[in-house]
Amino acid sequence: MVIEVSSPSTARYDRVVKRPAFQDAGVEEFWIVDLDARLVERWRPEDGRPDILLERLTWQPEGAPQPLDSDLAAFFAGVLD
């Protein structure tokens, strides 16, 4: 898994260069955290479009006993407000 926190200066590079490179390499999940939009884009190798996560992010890698479950509104409020 790869997580990028996007900024205005890196957003295009994250989406146009890094994202397809990670997908081609078979990275199982690539998340772009967009602080301005307060969302997470979740990309997988087969995706032509991302899952846009606004409210909740749930992730459970194989073998993990419990998922990571995050309230995104609370996360962004805590980080940005």
C-alpha atoms as a PDB file:
ATOM      1  CA  MET A   1       0.000   0.000   0.000  1.00  0.00           C
ATOM      2  CA  VAL A   2       1.103   3.533  -0.777  1.00  0.00           C
ATOM      3  CA  ILE A   3      -0.404   6.701   0.684  1.00  0.00           C
ATOM      4  CA  GLU A   4       0.273  10.140  -0.780  1.00  0.00           C
ATOM      5  CA  VAL A   5      -0.837  13.400   0.802  1.00  0.00           C
ATOM      6  CA  SER A   6      -1.470  15.598  -2.188  1.00  0.00           C
ATOM      7  CA  SER A   7      -0.693  19.289  -2.359  1.00  0.00           C
ATOM      8  CA  PRO A   8      -1.397  21.783  -5.135  1.00  0.00           C
ATOM      9  CA  SER A   9       2.203  21.434  -6.328  1.00  0.00           C
ATOM     10  CA  THR A  10       2.153  17.595  -6.414  1.00  0.00           C
ATOM     11  CA  ALA A  11      -1.473  16.715  -7.283  1.00  0.00           C
ATOM     12  CA  ARG A  12      -0.941  16.329 -11.019  1.00  0.00           C
ATOM     13  CA  TYR A  13       2.248  14.299 -10.581  1.00  0.00           C
ATOM     14  CA  ASP A  14       0.558  12.037  -8.005  1.00  0.00           C
ATOM     15  CA  ARG A  15      -2.357  11.299 -10.324  1.00  0.00           C
ATOM     16  CA  VAL A  16      -0.710  11.296 -13.760  1.00  0.00           C
ATOM     17  CA  VAL A  17       2.722   9.779 -13.093  1.00  0.00           C
ATOM     18  CA  LYS A  18       2.758   7.952  -9.775  1.00  0.00           C
ATOM     19  CA  ARG A  19      -0.716   6.430  -9.874  1.00  0.00           C
ATOM     20  CA  PRO A  20      -0.315   4.499 -13.138  1.00  0.00           C
ATOM     21  CA  ALA A  21       3.212   3.463 -12.136  1.00  0.00           C
ATOM     22  CA  PHE A  22       1.933   2.001  -8.877  1.00  0.00           C
ATOM     23  CA  GLN A  23      -0.989   0.311 -10.647  1.00  0.00           C
ATOM     24  CA  ASP A  24       1.354  -1.198 -13.254  1.00  0.00           C
ATOM     25  CA  ALA A  25       3.627  -2.439 -10.458  1.00  0.00           C
ATOM     26  CA  GLY A  26       0.648  -4.198  -8.834  1.00  0.00           C
ATOM     27  CA  VAL A  27       0.501  -2.083  -5.675  1.00  0.00           C
ATOM     28  CA  GLU A  28      -2.696  -3.362  -4.059  1.00  0.00           C
ATOM     29  CA  GLU A  29      -3.914   0.042  -2.881  1.00  0.00           C
ATOM     30  CA  PHE A  30      -2.786   3.579  -3.625  1.00  0.00           C
ATOM     31  CA  TRP A  31      -4.477   6.307  -1.625  1.00  0.00           C
ATOM     32  CA  ILE A  32      -4.322   9.977  -2.484  1.00  0.00           C
ATOM     33  CA  VAL A  33      -5.305  12.089   0.508  1.00  0.00           C
ATOM     34  CA  ASP A  34      -6.665  15.394  -0.772  1.00  0.00           C
ATOM     35  CA  LEU A  35      -6.618  17.829   2.143  1.00  0.00           C
ATOM     36  CA  ASP A  36      -8.306  20.642   0.207  1.00  0.00           C
ATOM     37  CA  ALA A  37     -11.258  18.473  -0.860  1.00  0.00           C
ATOM     38  CA  ARG A  38     -11.228  16.487   2.418  1.00  0.00           C
ATOM     39  CA  LEU A  39     -11.386  13.131   0.690  1.00  0.00           C
ATOM     40  CA  VAL A  40      -9.352  10.055  -0.077  1.00  0.00           C
ATOM     41  CA  GLU A  41      -9.053   8.568  -3.562  1.00  0.00           C
ATOM     42  CA  ARG A  42      -8.519   4.813  -3.334  1.00  0.00           C
ATOM     43  CA  TRP A  43      -6.964   3.209  -6.412  1.00  0.00           C
ATOM     44  CA  ARG A  44      -6.391  -0.483  -7.049  1.00  0.00           C
ATOM     45  CA  PRO A  45      -4.437  -2.048  -9.935  1.00  0.00           C
ATOM     46  CA  GLU A  46      -7.552  -2.782 -12.022  1.00  0.00           C
ATOM     47  CA  ASP A  47      -9.279   0.573 -11.458  1.00  0.00           C
ATOM     48  CA  GLY A  48      -9.942   2.999 -14.275  1.00  0.00           C
ATOM     49  CA  ARG A  49     -11.479   5.377 -11.739  1.00  0.00           C
ATOM     50  CA  PRO A  50     -10.895   5.643  -8.002  1.00  0.00           C
ATOM     51  CA  ASP A  51     -13.232   5.024  -5.127  1.00  0.00           C
ATOM     52  CA  ILE A  52     -13.877   8.497  -3.709  1.00  0.00           C
ATOM     53  CA  LEU A  53     -14.121   8.215   0.062  1.00  0.00           C
ATOM     54  CA  LEU A  54     -15.739  11.155   1.809  1.00  0.00           C
ATOM     55  CA  GLU A  55     -17.187   9.776   5.017  1.00  0.00           C
ATOM     56  CA  ARG A  56     -15.512   6.532   5.999  1.00  0.00           C
ATOM     57  CA  LEU A  57     -12.377   4.628   5.066  1.00  0.00           C
ATOM     58  CA  THR A  58     -12.267   0.927   5.867  1.00  0.00           C
ATOM     59  CA  TRP A  59      -9.252  -1.195   5.003  1.00  0.00           C
ATOM     60  CA  GLN A  60      -8.441  -4.734   6.051  1.00  0.00           C
ATOM     61  CA  PRO A  61      -5.365  -6.305   4.542  1.00  0.00           C
ATOM     62  CA  GLU A  62      -5.271 -10.051   4.193  1.00  0.00           C
ATOM     63  CA  GLY A  63      -4.543 -11.716   7.506  1.00  0.00           C
ATOM     64  CA  ALA A  64      -5.373  -8.680   9.655  1.00  0.00           C
ATOM     65  CA  PRO A  65      -7.695  -9.617  12.524  1.00  0.00           C
ATOM     66  CA  GLN A  66      -9.552  -6.287  12.395  1.00  0.00           C
ATOM     67  CA  PRO A  67      -9.962  -3.560   9.788  1.00  0.00           C
ATOM     68  CA  LEU A  68      -8.654  -0.040   9.996  1.00  0.00           C
ATOM     69  CA  ASP A  69     -11.850   1.977  10.117  1.00  0.00           C
ATOM     70  CA  SER A  70     -11.594   5.780   9.999  1.00  0.00           C
ATOM     71  CA  ASP A  71     -14.214   8.489  10.183  1.00  0.00           C
ATOM     72  CA  LEU A  72     -12.811  10.796   7.515  1.00  0.00           C
ATOM     73  CA  ALA A  73     -14.812  13.874   8.524  1.00  0.00           C
ATOM     74  CA  ALA A  74     -13.454  13.582  12.076  1.00  0.00           C
ATOM     75  CA  PHE A  75      -9.930  12.931  10.764  1.00  0.00           C
ATOM     76  CA  PHE A  76      -9.914  15.983   8.492  1.00  0.00           C
ATOM     77  CA  ALA A  77     -11.495  18.164  11.184  1.00  0.00           C
ATOM     78  CA  GLY A  78      -8.795  17.120  13.642  1.00  0.00           C
ATOM     79  CA  VAL A  79      -5.996  17.747  11.165  1.00  0.00           C
ATOM     80  CA  LEU A  80      -7.248  20.915   9.492  1.00  0.00           C
ATOM     81  CA  ASP A  81      -9.550  22.738  11.877  1.00  0.00           C
END
